[in-house]
Amino acid sequence: MEYTFTAANFEEEVLQSELPVLVDFYADWCGPCKMMGPVVEKCAEAYAGKMKIGKLNVDDNMAIAQKYRVVSIPHFIVFKNGEPAVTFGGAMSEADFCRKLDQVLA
């Protein structure tokens, strides 16, 4: 299952989560973000129970994007214990994407 993160639930769903949380910073108009959509959705299913995975629309949640210095999208941050643990960006293959997530869980 994929989550939708917003300013209203970011603190509870991301920063206070027991599990690591991948936040996909995206925008509806972003082509590479749309390319990564199916990859993120597959990973959300594959990593269910090990990691919470969701999206945050940067246009609707500009303050959060600015706080974490998101300057280009798609941008991915994995939060562990409320802190950014791994940051990466851009379109990539599903295998490369999964490898990044595996590093966090190792």
N, C-alpha and C. Protein backbone atom coordinates (compact mmCIF):
# COMPACT_ATOMS: atom_id res chain seq x y z
N MET A 1 0.83 -1.19 0.00
CA MET A 1 0.00 0.00 0.00
C MET A 1 0.87 1.25 0.00
N GLU A 2 0.47 2.20 -0.80
CA GLU A 2 1.21 3.44 -0.90
C GLU A 2 0.49 4.52 -0.11
N TYR A 3 1.22 5.30 0.64
CA TYR A 3 0.65 6.36 1.46
C TYR A 3 0.71 7.69 0.72
N THR A 4 -0.14 8.62 1.12
CA THR A 4 -0.05 10.00 0.66
C THR A 4 0.31 10.84 1.87
N PHE A 5 1.46 11.50 1.79
CA PHE A 5 1.91 12.35 2.89
C PHE A 5 1.58 13.80 2.59
N THR A 6 1.18 14.53 3.63
CA THR A 6 0.85 15.95 3.53
C THR A 6 1.40 16.66 4.76
N ALA A 7 1.29 17.98 4.75
CA ALA A 7 1.72 18.75 5.92
C ALA A 7 0.94 18.31 7.16
N ALA A 8 -0.31 17.90 6.96
CA ALA A 8 -1.17 17.52 8.10
C ALA A 8 -0.74 16.21 8.75
N ASN A 9 -0.18 15.26 7.97
CA ASN A 9 0.14 13.95 8.56
C ASN A 9 1.64 13.62 8.55
N PHE A 10 2.48 14.53 8.08
CA PHE A 10 3.91 14.24 7.92
C PHE A 10 4.58 13.88 9.26
N GLU A 11 4.30 14.65 10.27
CA GLU A 11 4.90 14.42 11.59
C GLU A 11 4.57 13.01 12.09
N GLU A 12 3.30 12.65 12.06
CA GLU A 12 2.86 11.36 12.59
C GLU A 12 3.27 10.19 11.68
N GLU A 13 3.01 10.31 10.39
CA GLU A 13 3.23 9.20 9.45
C GLU A 13 4.71 8.98 9.11
N VAL A 14 5.49 10.04 9.07
CA VAL A 14 6.89 9.93 8.65
C VAL A 14 7.84 10.04 9.83
N LEU A 15 7.81 11.16 10.52
CA LEU A 15 8.81 11.43 11.57
C LEU A 15 8.64 10.55 12.80
N GLN A 16 7.40 10.13 13.10
CA GLN A 16 7.18 9.31 14.30
C GLN A 16 7.00 7.82 13.97
N SER A 17 7.25 7.43 12.73
CA SER A 17 7.03 6.05 12.31
C SER A 17 8.06 5.11 12.93
N GLU A 18 7.58 3.94 13.33
CA GLU A 18 8.47 2.89 13.84
C GLU A 18 9.31 2.30 12.70
N LEU A 19 8.70 2.22 11.52
CA LEU A 19 9.37 1.67 10.34
C LEU A 19 10.12 2.77 9.60
N PRO A 20 11.14 2.41 8.82
CA PRO A 20 11.72 3.39 7.90
C PRO A 20 10.64 3.85 6.92
N VAL A 21 10.72 5.09 6.47
CA VAL A 21 9.71 5.65 5.57
C VAL A 21 10.38 6.24 4.34
N LEU A 22 9.98 5.79 3.16
CA LEU A 22 10.44 6.40 1.92
C LEU A 22 9.41 7.44 1.50
N VAL A 23 9.87 8.68 1.33
CA VAL A 23 9.00 9.74 0.83
C VAL A 23 9.42 10.06 -0.60
N ASP A 24 8.47 9.92 -1.52
CA ASP A 24 8.66 10.24 -2.93
C ASP A 24 8.14 11.66 -3.14
N PHE A 25 9.07 12.62 -3.27
CA PHE A 25 8.69 14.01 -3.53
C PHE A 25 8.44 14.13 -5.03
N TYR A 26 7.22 14.52 -5.41
CA TYR A 26 6.83 14.53 -6.82
C TYR A 26 5.89 15.70 -7.11
N ALA A 27 5.57 15.87 -8.39
CA ALA A 27 4.53 16.81 -8.81
C ALA A 27 3.78 16.17 -9.98
N ASP A 28 2.51 16.51 -10.12
CA ASP A 28 1.68 15.91 -11.17
C ASP A 28 2.20 16.23 -12.57
N TRP A 29 2.84 17.38 -12.75
CA TRP A 29 3.31 17.81 -14.07
C TRP A 29 4.69 17.24 -14.44
N CYS A 30 5.32 16.50 -13.55
CA CYS A 30 6.71 16.03 -13.73
C CYS A 30 6.74 14.69 -14.48
N GLY A 31 7.32 14.70 -15.69
CA GLY A 31 7.42 13.49 -16.51
C GLY A 31 8.20 12.37 -15.84
N PRO A 32 9.45 12.64 -15.37
CA PRO A 32 10.21 11.58 -14.70
C PRO A 32 9.51 11.04 -13.45
N CYS A 33 8.74 11.90 -12.77
CA CYS A 33 7.98 11.44 -11.60
C CYS A 33 6.95 10.41 -12.02
N LYS A 34 6.28 10.67 -13.16
CA LYS A 34 5.28 9.73 -13.67
C LYS A 34 5.93 8.41 -14.07
N MET A 35 7.15 8.49 -14.63
CA MET A 35 7.88 7.27 -14.99
C MET A 35 8.18 6.43 -13.75
N MET A 36 8.50 7.09 -12.65
CA MET A 36 8.86 6.38 -11.42
C MET A 36 7.65 5.88 -10.65
N GLY A 37 6.46 6.38 -10.96
CA GLY A 37 5.25 5.99 -10.24
C GLY A 37 5.06 4.49 -10.11
N PRO A 38 5.09 3.73 -11.24
CA PRO A 38 4.90 2.28 -11.14
C PRO A 38 5.99 1.58 -10.34
N VAL A 39 7.22 2.09 -10.42
CA VAL A 39 8.34 1.51 -9.66
C VAL A 39 8.10 1.69 -8.16
N VAL A 40 7.69 2.90 -7.78
CA VAL A 40 7.42 3.19 -6.37
C VAL A 40 6.26 2.33 -5.87
N GLU A 41 5.22 2.18 -6.70
CA GLU A 41 4.07 1.36 -6.30
C GLU A 41 4.45 -0.10 -6.11
N LYS A 42 5.27 -0.65 -7.01
CA LYS A 42 5.73 -2.04 -6.87
C LYS A 42 6.52 -2.22 -5.59
N CYS A 43 7.39 -1.27 -5.31
CA CYS A 43 8.20 -1.35 -4.10
C CYS A 43 7.34 -1.24 -2.85
N ALA A 44 6.30 -0.43 -2.92
CA ALA A 44 5.40 -0.30 -1.77
C ALA A 44 4.79 -1.65 -1.41
N GLU A 45 4.47 -2.44 -2.44
CA GLU A 45 3.94 -3.79 -2.19
C GLU A 45 5.04 -4.73 -1.71
N ALA A 46 6.19 -4.69 -2.37
CA ALA A 46 7.28 -5.61 -2.06
C ALA A 46 7.86 -5.38 -0.66
N TYR A 47 7.86 -4.14 -0.18
CA TYR A 47 8.46 -3.82 1.10
C TYR A 47 7.44 -3.62 2.20
N ALA A 48 6.18 -3.98 1.95
CA ALA A 48 5.12 -3.84 2.96
C ALA A 48 5.53 -4.57 4.23
N GLY A 49 5.37 -3.88 5.36
CA GLY A 49 5.73 -4.47 6.64
C GLY A 49 7.17 -4.20 7.04
N LYS A 50 8.02 -3.86 6.05
CA LYS A 50 9.43 -3.55 6.34
C LYS A 50 9.70 -2.06 6.24
N MET A 51 8.93 -1.40 5.37
CA MET A 51 9.15 0.02 5.12
C MET A 51 7.82 0.64 4.67
N LYS A 52 7.55 1.84 5.16
CA LYS A 52 6.37 2.58 4.73
C LYS A 52 6.79 3.41 3.52
N ILE A 53 6.02 3.37 2.44
CA ILE A 53 6.37 4.07 1.21
C ILE A 53 5.20 4.94 0.78
N GLY A 54 5.50 6.20 0.49
CA GLY A 54 4.43 7.10 0.06
C GLY A 54 4.93 8.30 -0.70
N LYS A 55 3.97 9.09 -1.17
CA LYS A 55 4.27 10.24 -2.01
C LYS A 55 3.91 11.54 -1.30
N LEU A 56 4.66 12.59 -1.64
CA LEU A 56 4.35 13.92 -1.13
C LEU A 56 4.40 14.88 -2.32
N ASN A 57 3.28 15.53 -2.61
CA ASN A 57 3.20 16.47 -3.71
C ASN A 57 3.89 17.77 -3.31
N VAL A 58 4.97 18.13 -4.02
CA VAL A 58 5.75 19.31 -3.63
C VAL A 58 4.98 20.61 -3.87
N ASP A 59 4.08 20.62 -4.86
CA ASP A 59 3.30 21.83 -5.12
C ASP A 59 2.34 22.12 -3.97
N ASP A 60 1.80 21.06 -3.36
CA ASP A 60 0.84 21.23 -2.26
C ASP A 60 1.51 21.33 -0.89
N ASN A 61 2.78 20.93 -0.81
CA ASN A 61 3.49 20.88 0.48
C ASN A 61 4.88 21.50 0.36
N MET A 62 4.90 22.74 -0.13
CA MET A 62 6.15 23.43 -0.44
C MET A 62 7.07 23.58 0.78
N ALA A 63 6.50 23.84 1.95
CA ALA A 63 7.31 24.06 3.14
C ALA A 63 8.12 22.80 3.50
N ILE A 64 7.52 21.62 3.36
CA ILE A 64 8.24 20.38 3.66
C ILE A 64 9.33 20.16 2.63
N ALA A 65 9.02 20.38 1.36
CA ALA A 65 10.03 20.22 0.30
C ALA A 65 11.21 21.17 0.54
N GLN A 66 10.94 22.39 0.94
CA GLN A 66 12.01 23.36 1.20
C GLN A 66 12.83 22.95 2.43
N LYS A 67 12.15 22.47 3.46
CA LYS A 67 12.85 22.07 4.69
C LYS A 67 13.89 20.99 4.41
N TYR A 68 13.56 20.07 3.50
CA TYR A 68 14.49 18.97 3.20
C TYR A 68 15.28 19.22 1.91
N ARG A 69 15.31 20.50 1.50
CA ARG A 69 16.13 20.96 0.37
C ARG A 69 15.89 20.18 -0.93
N VAL A 70 14.64 19.94 -1.21
CA VAL A 70 14.27 19.27 -2.45
C VAL A 70 14.26 20.33 -3.55
N VAL A 71 15.24 20.25 -4.45
CA VAL A 71 15.35 21.26 -5.52
C VAL A 71 15.01 20.68 -6.89
N SER A 72 15.03 19.37 -7.02
CA SER A 72 14.62 18.74 -8.28
C SER A 72 13.83 17.48 -7.95
N ILE A 73 12.92 17.13 -8.85
CA ILE A 73 12.09 15.96 -8.62
C ILE A 73 12.14 15.05 -9.83
N PRO A 74 11.92 13.75 -9.69
CA PRO A 74 11.59 13.07 -8.44
C PRO A 74 12.78 13.05 -7.48
N HIS A 75 12.46 13.15 -6.21
CA HIS A 75 13.47 13.18 -5.15
C HIS A 75 12.98 12.22 -4.07
N PHE A 76 13.85 11.40 -3.58
CA PHE A 76 13.45 10.38 -2.61
C PHE A 76 14.28 10.52 -1.34
N ILE A 77 13.61 10.51 -0.21
CA ILE A 77 14.31 10.52 1.08
C ILE A 77 13.75 9.38 1.92
N VAL A 78 14.66 8.56 2.45
CA VAL A 78 14.25 7.52 3.39
C VAL A 78 14.53 8.05 4.78
N PHE A 79 13.48 8.13 5.59
CA PHE A 79 13.60 8.59 6.97
C PHE A 79 13.69 7.37 7.88
N LYS A 80 14.62 7.43 8.81
CA LYS A 80 14.78 6.38 9.81
C LYS A 80 14.84 7.07 11.17
N ASN A 81 13.99 6.67 12.09
CA ASN A 81 13.93 7.30 13.41
C ASN A 81 13.73 8.81 13.31
N GLY A 82 12.91 9.23 12.34
CA GLY A 82 12.57 10.64 12.20
C GLY A 82 13.61 11.50 11.51
N GLU A 83 14.70 10.91 11.06
CA GLU A 83 15.77 11.66 10.42
C GLU A 83 16.02 11.13 9.01
N PRO A 84 16.39 12.02 8.06
CA PRO A 84 16.75 11.55 6.72
C PRO A 84 17.97 10.64 6.80
N ALA A 85 17.85 9.42 6.28
CA ALA A 85 18.95 8.45 6.33
C ALA A 85 19.61 8.31 4.96
N VAL A 86 18.81 8.31 3.91
CA VAL A 86 19.31 8.17 2.55
C VAL A 86 18.52 9.11 1.65
N THR A 87 19.23 9.81 0.77
CA THR A 87 18.60 10.71 -0.19
C THR A 87 19.10 10.36 -1.58
N PHE A 88 18.18 10.27 -2.53
CA PHE A 88 18.57 10.05 -3.92
C PHE A 88 17.50 10.64 -4.82
N GLY A 89 17.81 10.80 -6.10
CA GLY A 89 16.85 11.44 -6.98
C GLY A 89 16.98 10.99 -8.41
N GLY A 90 16.00 11.40 -9.19
CA GLY A 90 15.99 11.09 -10.61
C GLY A 90 15.31 9.78 -10.92
N ALA A 91 15.07 9.58 -12.21
CA ALA A 91 14.47 8.34 -12.68
C ALA A 91 15.54 7.25 -12.72
N MET A 92 15.15 6.02 -12.38
CA MET A 92 16.09 4.90 -12.39
C MET A 92 15.31 3.61 -12.58
N SER A 93 16.05 2.55 -12.82
CA SER A 93 15.39 1.25 -13.01
C SER A 93 14.85 0.74 -11.67
N GLU A 94 13.93 -0.19 -11.77
CA GLU A 94 13.36 -0.80 -10.56
C GLU A 94 14.45 -1.48 -9.74
N ALA A 95 15.38 -2.14 -10.42
CA ALA A 95 16.48 -2.84 -9.72
C ALA A 95 17.34 -1.86 -8.94
N ASP A 96 17.68 -0.73 -9.56
CA ASP A 96 18.50 0.27 -8.88
C ASP A 96 17.73 0.87 -7.70
N PHE A 97 16.45 1.11 -7.90
CA PHE A 97 15.61 1.69 -6.86
C PHE A 97 15.55 0.74 -5.66
N CYS A 98 15.31 -0.53 -5.92
CA CYS A 98 15.23 -1.54 -4.85
C CYS A 98 16.56 -1.66 -4.11
N ARG A 99 17.67 -1.57 -4.84
CA ARG A 99 18.99 -1.63 -4.21
C ARG A 99 19.17 -0.51 -3.20
N LYS A 100 18.69 0.69 -3.54
CA LYS A 100 18.80 1.83 -2.62
C LYS A 100 18.01 1.53 -1.34
N LEU A 101 16.81 0.97 -1.51
CA LEU A 101 15.98 0.65 -0.33
C LEU A 101 16.61 -0.45 0.50
N ASP A 102 17.20 -1.44 -0.18
CA ASP A 102 17.84 -2.55 0.54
C ASP A 102 18.99 -2.07 1.42
N GLN A 103 19.70 -1.04 0.97
CA GLN A 103 20.82 -0.48 1.75
C GLN A 103 20.34 0.01 3.10
N VAL A 104 19.15 0.62 3.11
CA VAL A 104 18.60 1.15 4.35
C VAL A 104 18.20 0.02 5.30
N LEU A 105 17.67 -1.06 4.73
CA LEU A 105 17.17 -2.15 5.55
C LEU A 105 18.26 -3.10 6.01
N ALA A 106 19.43 -3.01 5.38
CA ALA A 106 20.54 -3.93 5.70
C ALA A 106 21.02 -3.76 7.12
